[in-house]
C-alpha atoms as a PDB file:
ATOM      1  CA  MET A   1       5.142 -20.638  18.496  1.00  0.00           C
ATOM      2  CA  GLU A   2       3.526 -21.878  15.310  1.00  0.00           C
ATOM      3  CA  ALA A   3       4.732 -20.571  11.957  1.00  0.00           C
ATOM      4  CA  VAL A   4       2.550 -18.211   9.947  1.00  0.00           C
ATOM      5  CA  ARG A   5       2.118 -18.564   6.182  1.00  0.00           C
ATOM      6  CA  GLU A   6       1.183 -15.531   4.149  1.00  0.00           C
ATOM      7  CA  VAL A   7       1.311 -14.639   0.459  1.00  0.00           C
ATOM      8  CA  VAL A   8       2.429 -11.076  -0.242  1.00  0.00           C
ATOM      9  CA  VAL A   9       2.063  -9.425  -3.630  1.00  0.00           C
ATOM     10  CA  ILE A  10       4.891  -7.071  -4.498  1.00  0.00           C
ATOM     11  CA  ASP A  11       6.392  -5.143  -7.363  1.00  0.00           C
ATOM     12  CA  PRO A  12       8.990  -7.439  -8.988  1.00  0.00           C
ATOM     13  CA  VAL A  13      11.632  -4.716  -8.606  1.00  0.00           C
ATOM     14  CA  ASP A  14      11.307  -5.108  -4.799  1.00  0.00           C
ATOM     15  CA  LEU A  15      11.882  -8.864  -4.794  1.00  0.00           C
ATOM     16  CA  PRO A  16      15.607  -8.783  -3.898  1.00  0.00           C
ATOM     17  CA  ALA A  17      15.052  -6.320  -1.017  1.00  0.00           C
ATOM     18  CA  ILE A  18      12.125  -8.316   0.347  1.00  0.00           C
ATOM     19  CA  ARG A  19      14.153 -11.528   0.203  1.00  0.00           C
ATOM     20  CA  GLU A  20      16.997  -9.750   2.039  1.00  0.00           C
ATOM     21  CA  THR A  21      14.622  -8.512   4.764  1.00  0.00           C
ATOM     22  CA  ALA A  22      13.088 -11.980   5.102  1.00  0.00           C
ATOM     23  CA  GLU A  23      16.511 -13.594   5.448  1.00  0.00           C
ATOM     24  CA  ARG A  24      17.608 -11.007   8.030  1.00  0.00           C
ATOM     25  CA  VAL A  25      14.557 -11.674  10.265  1.00  0.00           C
ATOM     26  CA  GLY A  26      14.622 -15.459   9.797  1.00  0.00           C
ATOM     27  CA  VAL A  27      11.676 -15.899   7.457  1.00  0.00           C
ATOM     28  CA  VAL A  28      11.551 -18.430   4.633  1.00  0.00           C
ATOM     29  CA  THR A  29      10.289 -17.223   1.254  1.00  0.00           C
ATOM     30  CA  ALA A  30       9.213 -18.992  -1.919  1.00  0.00           C
ATOM     31  CA  GLU A  31       7.907 -17.515  -5.151  1.00  0.00           C
ATOM     32  CA  VAL A  32       4.422 -18.546  -6.190  1.00  0.00           C
ATOM     33  CA  PRO A  33       2.783 -18.044  -9.592  1.00  0.00           C
ATOM     34  CA  PRO A  34       2.518 -14.302 -10.327  1.00  0.00           C
ATOM     35  CA  PHE A  35      -0.689 -12.405  -9.739  1.00  0.00           C
ATOM     36  CA  ARG A  36      -2.289 -11.300 -12.997  1.00  0.00           C
ATOM     37  CA  GLY A  37      -5.249  -9.004 -12.702  1.00  0.00           C
ATOM     38  CA  ILE A  38      -6.369  -5.659 -13.999  1.00  0.00           C
ATOM     39  CA  ARG A  39      -3.150  -4.060 -12.802  1.00  0.00           C
ATOM     40  CA  PRO A  40       0.313  -4.891 -14.144  1.00  0.00           C
ATOM     41  CA  VAL A  41       1.831  -8.262 -13.279  1.00  0.00           C
ATOM     42  CA  LYS A  42       3.104  -8.467  -9.727  1.00  0.00           C
ATOM     43  CA  ALA A  43       5.373 -10.965  -8.004  1.00  0.00           C
ATOM     44  CA  SER A  44       3.783 -13.201  -5.375  1.00  0.00           C
ATOM     45  CA  VAL A  45       5.891 -14.526  -2.526  1.00  0.00           C
ATOM     46  CA  LEU A  46       4.945 -17.051   0.142  1.00  0.00           C
ATOM     47  CA  VAL A  47       6.368 -15.900   3.485  1.00  0.00           C
ATOM     48  CA  VAL A  48       6.675 -18.459   6.309  1.00  0.00           C
ATOM     49  CA  GLY A  49       7.955 -17.778   9.807  1.00  0.00           C
ATOM     50  CA  GLU A  50       7.146 -16.539  13.295  1.00  0.00           C
ATOM     51  CA  PRO A  51       4.281 -14.005  13.367  1.00  0.00           C
ATOM     52  CA  GLY A  52       6.515 -11.079  14.413  1.00  0.00           C
ATOM     53  CA  ALA A  53       9.050 -11.784  11.677  1.00  0.00           C
ATOM     54  CA  VAL A  54       6.332 -12.122   9.025  1.00  0.00           C
ATOM     55  CA  ARG A  55       4.921  -8.753  10.191  1.00  0.00           C
ATOM     56  CA  GLN A  56       8.368  -7.205   9.681  1.00  0.00           C
ATOM     57  CA  VAL A  57       8.485  -8.485   6.090  1.00  0.00           C
ATOM     58  CA  ARG A  58       4.935  -7.225   5.462  1.00  0.00           C
ATOM     59  CA  ALA A  59       5.903  -3.811   6.913  1.00  0.00           C
ATOM     60  CA  GLU A  60       8.884  -3.624   4.521  1.00  0.00           C
ATOM     61  CA  VAL A  61       6.593  -4.452   1.583  1.00  0.00           C
ATOM     62  CA  ASP A  62       4.214  -1.690   2.692  1.00  0.00           C
ATOM     63  CA  ARG A  63       7.042   0.821   3.168  1.00  0.00           C
ATOM     64  CA  ARG A  64       8.277   0.216  -0.367  1.00  0.00           C
ATOM     65  CA  ARG A  65       4.848   0.972  -1.864  1.00  0.00           C
ATOM     66  CA  GLY A  66       5.240   4.644  -0.951  1.00  0.00           C
ATOM     67  CA  GLY A  67       2.606   7.158   0.122  1.00  0.00           C
ATOM     68  CA  LEU A  68      -1.148   7.246  -0.348  1.00  0.00           C
ATOM     69  CA  VAL A  69      -2.819   9.383  -3.033  1.00  0.00           C
ATOM     70  CA  PHE A  70      -6.501  10.333  -3.190  1.00  0.00           C
ATOM     71  CA  ASP A  71      -7.235  11.761  -6.648  1.00  0.00           C
ATOM     72  CA  LEU A  72     -10.544  13.624  -6.395  1.00  0.00           C
ATOM     73  CA  ARG A  73     -10.561  14.931  -9.965  1.00  0.00           C
ATOM     74  CA  LEU A  74     -13.537  13.883 -12.024  1.00  0.00           C
ATOM     75  CA  GLY A  75     -12.700  10.844 -14.163  1.00  0.00           C
ATOM     76  CA  ALA A  76      -9.487   9.988 -12.307  1.00  0.00           C
ATOM     77  CA  VAL A  77      -8.223   6.645 -13.603  1.00  0.00           C
ATOM     78  CA  ARG A  78      -6.832   5.622 -10.207  1.00  0.00           C
ATOM     79  CA  PRO A  79      -8.767   7.553  -7.556  1.00  0.00           C
ATOM     80  CA  ILE A  80      -6.912   5.890  -4.688  1.00  0.00           C
ATOM     81  CA  HIS A  81      -3.434   4.468  -5.094  1.00  0.00           C
ATOM     82  CA  ARG A  82       0.021   4.211  -3.589  1.00  0.00           C
ATOM     83  CA  SER A  83       2.850   6.202  -5.148  1.00  0.00           C
ATOM     84  CA  ARG A  84       6.591   5.743  -4.821  1.00  0.00           C
ATOM     85  CA  LEU A  85       6.916   9.464  -5.574  1.00  0.00           C
ATOM     86  CA  LEU A  86       5.745   9.992  -1.998  1.00  0.00           C
ATOM     87  CA  GLY A  87       7.536   8.653   1.014  1.00  0.00           C
ATOM     88  CA  HIS A  88       5.872   6.042   3.178  1.00  0.00           C
ATOM     89  CA  GLY A  89       3.587   7.858   5.594  1.00  0.00           C
ATOM     90  CA  GLU A  90       2.907  10.753   3.240  1.00  0.00           C
ATOM     91  CA  LEU A  91      -0.600  11.549   2.054  1.00  0.00           C
ATOM     92  CA  GLN A  92      -1.545  13.551  -1.023  1.00  0.00           C
ATOM     93  CA  VAL A  93      -5.030  14.731  -1.982  1.00  0.00           C
ATOM     94  CA  VAL A  94      -5.368  15.907  -5.584  1.00  0.00           C
ATOM     95  CA  ALA A  95      -8.397  18.091  -6.328  1.00  0.00           C
ATOM     96  CA  ALA A  96      -9.453  19.972  -9.450  1.00  0.00           C
ATOM     97  CA  ASP A  97      -8.215  23.225  -7.897  1.00  0.00           C
ATOM     98  CA  GLY A  98      -4.976  22.090  -6.303  1.00  0.00           C
ATOM     99  CA  VAL A  99      -2.993  19.557  -4.323  1.00  0.00           C
ATOM    100  CA  VAL A 100      -2.749  19.093  -0.566  1.00  0.00           C
ATOM    101  CA  ARG A 101       0.230  17.135   0.654  1.00  0.00           C
ATOM    102  CA  VAL A 102       0.694  16.007   4.236  1.00  0.00           C
ATOM    103  CA  ALA A 103       4.362  15.247   4.790  1.00  0.00           C
ATOM    104  CA  GLU A 104       4.065  12.947   7.781  1.00  0.00           C
ATOM    105  CA  CYS A 105       0.835  11.178   8.557  1.00  0.00           C
ATOM    106  CA  ASP A 106       0.411   8.932  11.495  1.00  0.00           C
ATOM    107  CA  ALA A 107       0.990   5.323  10.382  1.00  0.00           C
ATOM    108  CA  GLU A 108      -2.379   4.343  11.859  1.00  0.00           C
ATOM    109  CA  LEU A 109      -4.144   6.972   9.725  1.00  0.00           C
ATOM    110  CA  ILE A 110      -2.456   5.717   6.547  1.00  0.00           C
ATOM    111  CA  GLU A 111      -3.330   2.127   7.454  1.00  0.00           C
ATOM    112  CA  ALA A 112      -6.953   3.035   8.217  1.00  0.00           C
ATOM    113  CA  LEU A 113      -7.349   5.004   4.973  1.00  0.00           C
ATOM    114  CA  THR A 114      -5.769   2.178   2.977  1.00  0.00           C
ATOM    115  CA  ARG A 115      -8.110  -0.375   4.578  1.00  0.00           C
ATOM    116  CA  LEU A 116     -11.075   1.908   3.980  1.00  0.00           C
ATOM    117  CA  ALA A 117     -10.074   2.348   0.349  1.00  0.00           C
ATOM    118  CA  SER A 118      -9.577  -1.354  -0.381  1.00  0.00           C
ATOM    119  CA  GLY A 119     -12.222  -2.456  -2.824  1.00  0.00           C
ATOM    120  CA  ARG A 120     -14.384   0.611  -2.232  1.00  0.00           C
ATOM    121  CA  GLY A 121     -12.410   3.353  -3.960  1.00  0.00           C
ATOM    122  CA  GLU A 122     -15.329   5.239  -5.452  1.00  0.00           C
ATOM    123  CA  LYS A 123     -17.245   5.382  -2.151  1.00  0.00           C
ATOM    124  CA  THR A 124     -14.140   6.535  -0.291  1.00  0.00           C
ATOM    125  CA  VAL A 125     -13.383   9.221  -2.876  1.00  0.00           C
ATOM    126  CA  ALA A 126     -16.993  10.417  -2.647  1.00  0.00           C
ATOM    127  CA  CYS A 127     -16.719  10.662   1.157  1.00  0.00           C
ATOM    128  CA  VAL A 128     -13.425  12.570   0.969  1.00  0.00           C
ATOM    129  CA  ARG A 129     -14.823  14.836  -1.776  1.00  0.00           C
ATOM    130  CA  ASP A 130     -17.893  15.602   0.377  1.00  0.00           C
ATOM    131  CA  LEU A 131     -15.671  16.416   3.333  1.00  0.00           C
ATOM    132  CA  VAL A 132     -13.481  18.731   1.237  1.00  0.00           C
ATOM    133  CA  ASN A 133     -16.578  20.478  -0.147  1.00  0.00           C
ATOM    134  CA  ARG A 134     -17.978  21.010   3.348  1.00  0.00           C
ATOM    135  CA  LEU A 135     -14.688  22.497   4.538  1.00  0.00           C
ATOM    136  CA  ASN A 136     -14.588  25.011   1.660  1.00  0.00           C
END
């Protein structure tokens, strides 16, 4: 089977754990120049190995990011983000009148919401806000 190459962007504090996971599953890692964008500086790591092993490393990166937060309050700085204050698989919706927290979401739901939110945060928040308003 041909090796897969993938760059993963992680919090620098997770670097030792990600390297340990990669070594355990037989994946080679190499640091690449750090990602600098609007958000704080992140560490970038090139991951090379069999597809299944690379998926395991990616899953560990995702697990360490924590749960998913939808902040529906007007003017929220980060309307959709991951939070280490929540466990992986947890979902929290913050509204002007309270907080709804779902302790264990299906991994597929979290993945779908994260994909939906990527790059389209405002539209996703508007859709969730509309849904919440209709349910009230």
